[in-house]
Amino acid sequence: MIRGIAIVAIVGAAVAYLMSIHDPIKFQIMTDAVAHAVPLDIKTWDDIKSLQSFKNWDRAATPRAVEISRGNEGDFALRARINGHIAPMVIDTGATSVVLTYDTAKAAGLPLELLDYNVDVETAGGHVKAARLTLDRLAIGKLVERSVPALVVPRGQLKTNLLGMSFLNRLESWEVRADRMMLRGYP
């Protein structure tokens, strides 16, 4: 029994060391979450069994947060999953809504033939008419939101998809520090 515990402790320490080298920020977030999730008054197995939240510890230790590094162009670019389709996006805090290119909307299986392009939108390229729709699911890493309002612009009117405030407003917080942006979802 003691040998098994020692082996688990050694393997755990090795994994923690490798994680801290590979991604120190994610490692710090994980250790903070575990430190806050594990009660300090546990002394026996009966204490553990009596905890109602024991089954949910793994969820509590997994923060809903994503960190994005600033790109060479000065923007915060990422890959999102839109209704299951992976698409590049740029975070745009000046955009009221999530805005998708026609090609991304088509690849995500959105009903383009039913859309009415009646929303006036100002982009860096000028004035454009866009169509409203709702995304069933928009995921950025562990951050998953459902029924997200979005706009689609006609083919060729926008070069990249924009992650605007219709997604960002659903988060608990987002902040920029130096060349990193942290997006935090509600627990």
C-alpha atoms as a PDB file:
ATOM      1  CA  MET A   1       0.000   0.000   0.000  1.00  0.00           C
ATOM      2  CA  ILE A   2       2.742   2.467   0.956  1.00  0.00           C
ATOM      3  CA  ARG A   3       4.745   1.498  -2.136  1.00  0.00           C
ATOM      4  CA  GLY A   4       1.706   2.226  -4.345  1.00  0.00           C
ATOM      5  CA  ILE A   5       1.173   5.629  -2.723  1.00  0.00           C
ATOM      6  CA  ALA A   6       4.867   6.449  -3.168  1.00  0.00           C
ATOM      7  CA  ILE A   7       4.757   5.492  -6.860  1.00  0.00           C
ATOM      8  CA  VAL A   8       1.640   7.614  -7.427  1.00  0.00           C
ATOM      9  CA  ALA A   9       3.291  10.547  -5.630  1.00  0.00           C
ATOM     10  CA  ILE A  10       6.473  10.252  -7.738  1.00  0.00           C
ATOM     11  CA  VAL A  11       4.555   9.980 -11.009  1.00  0.00           C
ATOM     12  CA  GLY A  12       2.331  12.907  -9.976  1.00  0.00           C
ATOM     13  CA  ALA A  13       5.348  15.036  -9.121  1.00  0.00           C
ATOM     14  CA  ALA A  14       6.987  14.201 -12.470  1.00  0.00           C
ATOM     15  CA  VAL A  15       3.837  15.084 -14.400  1.00  0.00           C
ATOM     16  CA  ALA A  16       3.459  18.335 -12.442  1.00  0.00           C
ATOM     17  CA  TYR A  17       7.090  19.239 -13.143  1.00  0.00           C
ATOM     18  CA  LEU A  18       6.682  18.605 -16.882  1.00  0.00           C
ATOM     19  CA  MET A  19       3.461  20.612 -16.972  1.00  0.00           C
ATOM     20  CA  SER A  20       5.075  23.523 -15.141  1.00  0.00           C
ATOM     21  CA  ILE A  21       7.845  23.628 -17.747  1.00  0.00           C
ATOM     22  CA  HIS A  22       5.550  23.209 -20.768  1.00  0.00           C
ATOM     23  CA  ASP A  23       2.883  25.777 -19.779  1.00  0.00           C
ATOM     24  CA  PRO A  24       3.624  27.579 -16.499  1.00  0.00           C
ATOM     25  CA  ILE A  25       0.542  29.814 -16.627  1.00  0.00           C
ATOM     26  CA  LYS A  26      -1.866  26.919 -17.146  1.00  0.00           C
ATOM     27  CA  PHE A  27      -0.018  25.008 -14.394  1.00  0.00           C
ATOM     28  CA  GLN A  28      -0.506  27.936 -11.984  1.00  0.00           C
ATOM     29  CA  ILE A  29      -4.209  28.152 -12.808  1.00  0.00           C
ATOM     30  CA  MET A  30      -4.588  24.407 -12.173  1.00  0.00           C
ATOM     31  CA  THR A  31      -2.708  24.456  -8.868  1.00  0.00           C
ATOM     32  CA  ASP A  32      -4.740  27.450  -7.665  1.00  0.00           C
ATOM     33  CA  ALA A  33      -7.990  25.706  -8.610  1.00  0.00           C
ATOM     34  CA  VAL A  34      -6.982  22.496  -6.826  1.00  0.00           C
ATOM     35  CA  ALA A  35      -5.869  24.436  -3.750  1.00  0.00           C
ATOM     36  CA  HIS A  36      -9.284  26.117  -3.566  1.00  0.00           C
ATOM     37  CA  ALA A  37     -11.265  22.981  -4.399  1.00  0.00           C
ATOM     38  CA  VAL A  38      -9.760  20.576  -1.857  1.00  0.00           C
ATOM     39  CA  PRO A  39     -10.987  21.145   1.715  1.00  0.00           C
ATOM     40  CA  LEU A  40      -8.170  21.332   4.254  1.00  0.00           C
ATOM     41  CA  ASP A  41     -10.017  19.436   7.007  1.00  0.00           C
ATOM     42  CA  ILE A  42      -9.965  16.023   5.292  1.00  0.00           C
ATOM     43  CA  LYS A  43      -8.226  13.475   7.507  1.00  0.00           C
ATOM     44  CA  THR A  44      -9.875  10.148   6.743  1.00  0.00           C
ATOM     45  CA  TRP A  45     -11.551   8.335   3.889  1.00  0.00           C
ATOM     46  CA  ASP A  46     -14.888   8.793   5.705  1.00  0.00           C
ATOM     47  CA  ASP A  47     -14.370  12.582   5.480  1.00  0.00           C
ATOM     48  CA  ILE A  48     -13.984  12.248   1.721  1.00  0.00           C
ATOM     49  CA  LYS A  49     -17.032  10.010   1.335  1.00  0.00           C
ATOM     50  CA  SER A  50     -19.155  12.437   3.341  1.00  0.00           C
ATOM     51  CA  LEU A  51     -18.455  15.309   0.975  1.00  0.00           C
ATOM     52  CA  GLN A  52     -21.396  15.859  -1.393  1.00  0.00           C
ATOM     53  CA  SER A  53     -19.204  17.708  -3.871  1.00  0.00           C
ATOM     54  CA  PHE A  54     -16.571  14.963  -4.093  1.00  0.00           C
ATOM     55  CA  LYS A  55     -17.916  13.766  -7.449  1.00  0.00           C
ATOM     56  CA  ASN A  56     -17.549  17.285  -8.887  1.00  0.00           C
ATOM     57  CA  TRP A  57     -13.967  17.985  -7.794  1.00  0.00           C
ATOM     58  CA  ASP A  58     -12.621  17.442 -11.299  1.00  0.00           C
ATOM     59  CA  ARG A  59     -14.986  20.125 -12.634  1.00  0.00           C
ATOM     60  CA  ALA A  60     -14.043  22.561  -9.866  1.00  0.00           C
ATOM     61  CA  ALA A  61     -10.353  22.034 -10.594  1.00  0.00           C
ATOM     62  CA  THR A  62     -10.807  22.782 -14.287  1.00  0.00           C
ATOM     63  CA  PRO A  63     -11.212  26.544 -14.667  1.00  0.00           C
ATOM     64  CA  ARG A  64     -13.202  27.871 -17.587  1.00  0.00           C
ATOM     65  CA  ALA A  65     -10.476  30.167 -18.822  1.00  0.00           C
ATOM     66  CA  VAL A  66      -8.548  30.678 -22.041  1.00  0.00           C
ATOM     67  CA  GLU A  67      -5.389  32.691 -22.524  1.00  0.00           C
ATOM     68  CA  ILE A  68      -4.551  34.121 -25.948  1.00  0.00           C
ATOM     69  CA  SER A  69      -1.217  35.592 -26.978  1.00  0.00           C
ATOM     70  CA  ARG A  70      -1.021  38.714 -29.120  1.00  0.00           C
ATOM     71  CA  GLY A  71      -0.077  37.908 -32.722  1.00  0.00           C
ATOM     72  CA  ASN A  72       2.565  39.530 -34.882  1.00  0.00           C
ATOM     73  CA  GLU A  73      -0.066  41.854 -36.373  1.00  0.00           C
ATOM     74  CA  GLY A  74      -0.987  43.111 -32.890  1.00  0.00           C
ATOM     75  CA  ASP A  75      -4.306  41.273 -32.725  1.00  0.00           C
ATOM     76  CA  PHE A  76      -5.570  38.410 -30.603  1.00  0.00           C
ATOM     77  CA  ALA A  77      -6.293  35.575 -33.017  1.00  0.00           C
ATOM     78  CA  LEU A  78      -7.628  32.156 -32.088  1.00  0.00           C
ATOM     79  CA  ARG A  79      -9.398  29.103 -33.400  1.00  0.00           C
ATOM     80  CA  ALA A  80     -13.046  28.731 -32.459  1.00  0.00           C
ATOM     81  CA  ARG A  81     -15.468  25.876 -32.889  1.00  0.00           C
ATOM     82  CA  ILE A  82     -18.713  27.135 -34.451  1.00  0.00           C
ATOM     83  CA  ASN A  83     -21.437  24.491 -34.411  1.00  0.00           C
ATOM     84  CA  GLY A  84     -18.603  21.939 -34.497  1.00  0.00           C
ATOM     85  CA  HIS A  85     -16.660  23.592 -37.350  1.00  0.00           C
ATOM     86  CA  ILE A  86     -13.197  24.962 -36.513  1.00  0.00           C
ATOM     87  CA  ALA A  87     -12.664  28.500 -37.785  1.00  0.00           C
ATOM     88  CA  PRO A  88     -10.063  31.241 -37.265  1.00  0.00           C
ATOM     89  CA  MET A  89     -11.292  34.356 -35.460  1.00  0.00           C
ATOM     90  CA  VAL A  90      -9.896  37.658 -34.271  1.00  0.00           C
ATOM     91  CA  ILE A  91     -11.118  39.182 -31.024  1.00  0.00           C
ATOM     92  CA  ASP A  92     -12.710  42.559 -31.730  1.00  0.00           C
ATOM     93  CA  THR A  93     -13.971  44.376 -28.629  1.00  0.00           C
ATOM     94  CA  GLY A  94     -15.235  47.137 -30.922  1.00  0.00           C
ATOM     95  CA  ALA A  95     -17.599  44.757 -32.693  1.00  0.00           C
ATOM     96  CA  THR A  96     -21.068  44.629 -31.141  1.00  0.00           C
ATOM     97  CA  SER A  97     -21.573  41.087 -32.363  1.00  0.00           C
ATOM     98  CA  VAL A  98     -19.794  37.977 -33.500  1.00  0.00           C
ATOM     99  CA  VAL A  99     -19.382  38.423 -37.261  1.00  0.00           C
ATOM    100  CA  LEU A 100     -18.762  35.521 -39.630  1.00  0.00           C
ATOM    101  CA  THR A 101     -17.582  35.451 -43.196  1.00  0.00           C
ATOM    102  CA  TYR A 102     -19.919  33.846 -45.706  1.00  0.00           C
ATOM    103  CA  ASP A 103     -17.503  30.926 -46.216  1.00  0.00           C
ATOM    104  CA  THR A 104     -17.246  30.179 -42.477  1.00  0.00           C
ATOM    105  CA  ALA A 105     -21.030  30.332 -42.097  1.00  0.00           C
ATOM    106  CA  LYS A 106     -21.439  27.933 -45.003  1.00  0.00           C
ATOM    107  CA  ALA A 107     -18.825  25.515 -43.607  1.00  0.00           C
ATOM    108  CA  ALA A 108     -20.574  25.619 -40.199  1.00  0.00           C
ATOM    109  CA  GLY A 109     -23.793  24.488 -41.844  1.00  0.00           C
ATOM    110  CA  LEU A 110     -25.758  27.679 -41.223  1.00  0.00           C
ATOM    111  CA  PRO A 111     -28.942  28.220 -43.292  1.00  0.00           C
ATOM    112  CA  LEU A 112     -27.556  30.877 -45.652  1.00  0.00           C
ATOM    113  CA  GLU A 113     -30.436  30.594 -48.124  1.00  0.00           C
ATOM    114  CA  LEU A 114     -32.870  31.773 -45.426  1.00  0.00           C
ATOM    115  CA  LEU A 115     -30.924  34.866 -44.386  1.00  0.00           C
ATOM    116  CA  ASP A 116     -32.052  38.433 -44.937  1.00  0.00           C
ATOM    117  CA  TYR A 117     -29.141  40.864 -45.318  1.00  0.00           C
ATOM    118  CA  ASN A 118     -30.806  43.880 -43.730  1.00  0.00           C
ATOM    119  CA  VAL A 119     -28.414  44.925 -40.926  1.00  0.00           C
ATOM    120  CA  ASP A 120     -26.119  47.894 -41.574  1.00  0.00           C
ATOM    121  CA  VAL A 121     -22.551  47.204 -40.432  1.00  0.00           C
ATOM    122  CA  GLU A 122     -19.458  49.402 -40.516  1.00  0.00           C
ATOM    123  CA  THR A 123     -16.245  47.428 -41.019  1.00  0.00           C
ATOM    124  CA  ALA A 124     -12.666  48.475 -41.580  1.00  0.00           C
ATOM    125  CA  GLY A 125     -13.412  48.022 -45.289  1.00  0.00           C
ATOM    126  CA  GLY A 126     -16.504  50.238 -45.245  1.00  0.00           C
ATOM    127  CA  HIS A 127     -20.284  49.879 -45.072  1.00  0.00           C
ATOM    128  CA  VAL A 128     -21.759  46.361 -45.478  1.00  0.00           C
ATOM    129  CA  LYS A 129     -25.185  44.747 -45.137  1.00  0.00           C
ATOM    130  CA  ALA A 130     -25.210  41.706 -42.853  1.00  0.00           C
ATOM    131  CA  ALA A 131     -27.732  39.066 -41.839  1.00  0.00           C
ATOM    132  CA  ARG A 132     -28.686  38.128 -38.274  1.00  0.00           C
ATOM    133  CA  LEU A 133     -28.638  34.571 -37.030  1.00  0.00           C
ATOM    134  CA  THR A 134     -28.024  32.588 -33.868  1.00  0.00           C
ATOM    135  CA  LEU A 135     -25.167  30.143 -33.460  1.00  0.00           C
ATOM    136  CA  ASP A 136     -26.207  26.962 -31.695  1.00  0.00           C
ATOM    137  CA  ARG A 137     -22.776  26.656 -30.091  1.00  0.00           C
ATOM    138  CA  LEU A 138     -19.604  28.743 -30.053  1.00  0.00           C
ATOM    139  CA  ALA A 139     -16.582  27.317 -28.220  1.00  0.00           C
ATOM    140  CA  ILE A 140     -13.200  28.873 -27.485  1.00  0.00           C
ATOM    141  CA  GLY A 141     -11.245  26.154 -25.701  1.00  0.00           C
ATOM    142  CA  LYS A 142     -13.160  25.349 -22.497  1.00  0.00           C
ATOM    143  CA  LEU A 143     -15.445  28.346 -22.929  1.00  0.00           C
ATOM    144  CA  VAL A 144     -18.655  27.142 -24.551  1.00  0.00           C
ATOM    145  CA  GLU A 145     -21.673  29.361 -25.130  1.00  0.00           C
ATOM    146  CA  ARG A 146     -24.970  28.384 -26.706  1.00  0.00           C
ATOM    147  CA  SER A 147     -27.464  30.471 -28.681  1.00  0.00           C
ATOM    148  CA  VAL A 148     -24.948  33.200 -29.485  1.00  0.00           C
ATOM    149  CA  PRO A 149     -26.271  36.089 -31.612  1.00  0.00           C
ATOM    150  CA  ALA A 150     -24.136  36.648 -34.688  1.00  0.00           C
ATOM    151  CA  LEU A 151     -24.019  38.326 -38.065  1.00  0.00           C
ATOM    152  CA  VAL A 152     -23.001  36.951 -41.462  1.00  0.00           C
ATOM    153  CA  VAL A 153     -21.684  39.199 -44.208  1.00  0.00           C
ATOM    154  CA  PRO A 154     -21.956  38.447 -47.939  1.00  0.00           C
ATOM    155  CA  ARG A 155     -19.171  36.558 -49.674  1.00  0.00           C
ATOM    156  CA  GLY A 156     -15.964  38.606 -50.043  1.00  0.00           C
ATOM    157  CA  GLN A 157     -17.012  41.434 -47.708  1.00  0.00           C
ATOM    158  CA  LEU A 158     -14.845  40.437 -44.718  1.00  0.00           C
ATOM    159  CA  LYS A 159     -11.443  38.767 -44.560  1.00  0.00           C
ATOM    160  CA  THR A 160     -11.708  37.188 -41.120  1.00  0.00           C
ATOM    161  CA  ASN A 161     -14.304  36.191 -38.546  1.00  0.00           C
ATOM    162  CA  LEU A 162     -14.697  38.540 -35.579  1.00  0.00           C
ATOM    163  CA  LEU A 163     -15.292  37.456 -31.994  1.00  0.00           C
ATOM    164  CA  GLY A 164     -17.289  40.438 -30.794  1.00  0.00           C
ATOM    165  CA  MET A 165     -19.186  41.485 -27.710  1.00  0.00           C
ATOM    166  CA  SER A 166     -22.175  39.164 -28.214  1.00  0.00           C
ATOM    167  CA  PHE A 167     -19.771  36.427 -27.029  1.00  0.00           C
ATOM    168  CA  LEU A 168     -17.464  38.437 -24.741  1.00  0.00           C
ATOM    169  CA  ASN A 169     -20.380  39.899 -22.726  1.00  0.00           C
ATOM    170  CA  ARG A 170     -21.342  36.373 -21.661  1.00  0.00           C
ATOM    171  CA  LEU A 171     -18.022  35.842 -19.881  1.00  0.00           C
ATOM    172  CA  GLU A 172     -17.349  36.539 -16.236  1.00  0.00           C
ATOM    173  CA  SER A 173     -14.399  38.691 -17.285  1.00  0.00           C
ATOM    174  CA  TRP A 174     -11.796  39.370 -19.929  1.00  0.00           C
ATOM    175  CA  GLU A 175      -8.640  41.392 -19.627  1.00  0.00           C
ATOM    176  CA  VAL A 176      -5.503  42.306 -21.510  1.00  0.00           C
ATOM    177  CA  ARG A 177      -2.125  42.420 -19.791  1.00  0.00           C
ATOM    178  CA  ALA A 178       0.929  43.121 -21.882  1.00  0.00           C
ATOM    179  CA  ASP A 179       0.720  40.704 -24.817  1.00  0.00           C
ATOM    180  CA  ARG A 180      -1.801  38.297 -23.317  1.00  0.00           C
ATOM    181  CA  MET A 181      -5.585  38.285 -23.185  1.00  0.00           C
ATOM    182  CA  MET A 182      -7.383  36.189 -20.587  1.00  0.00           C
ATOM    183  CA  LEU A 183     -10.992  35.144 -21.128  1.00  0.00           C
ATOM    184  CA  ARG A 184     -12.746  33.755 -18.023  1.00  0.00           C
ATOM    185  CA  GLY A 185     -16.130  32.048 -18.091  1.00  0.00           C
ATOM    186  CA  TYR A 186     -18.514  31.633 -15.201  1.00  0.00           C
ATOM    187  CA  PRO A 187     -17.933  28.444 -13.154  1.00  0.00           C
END
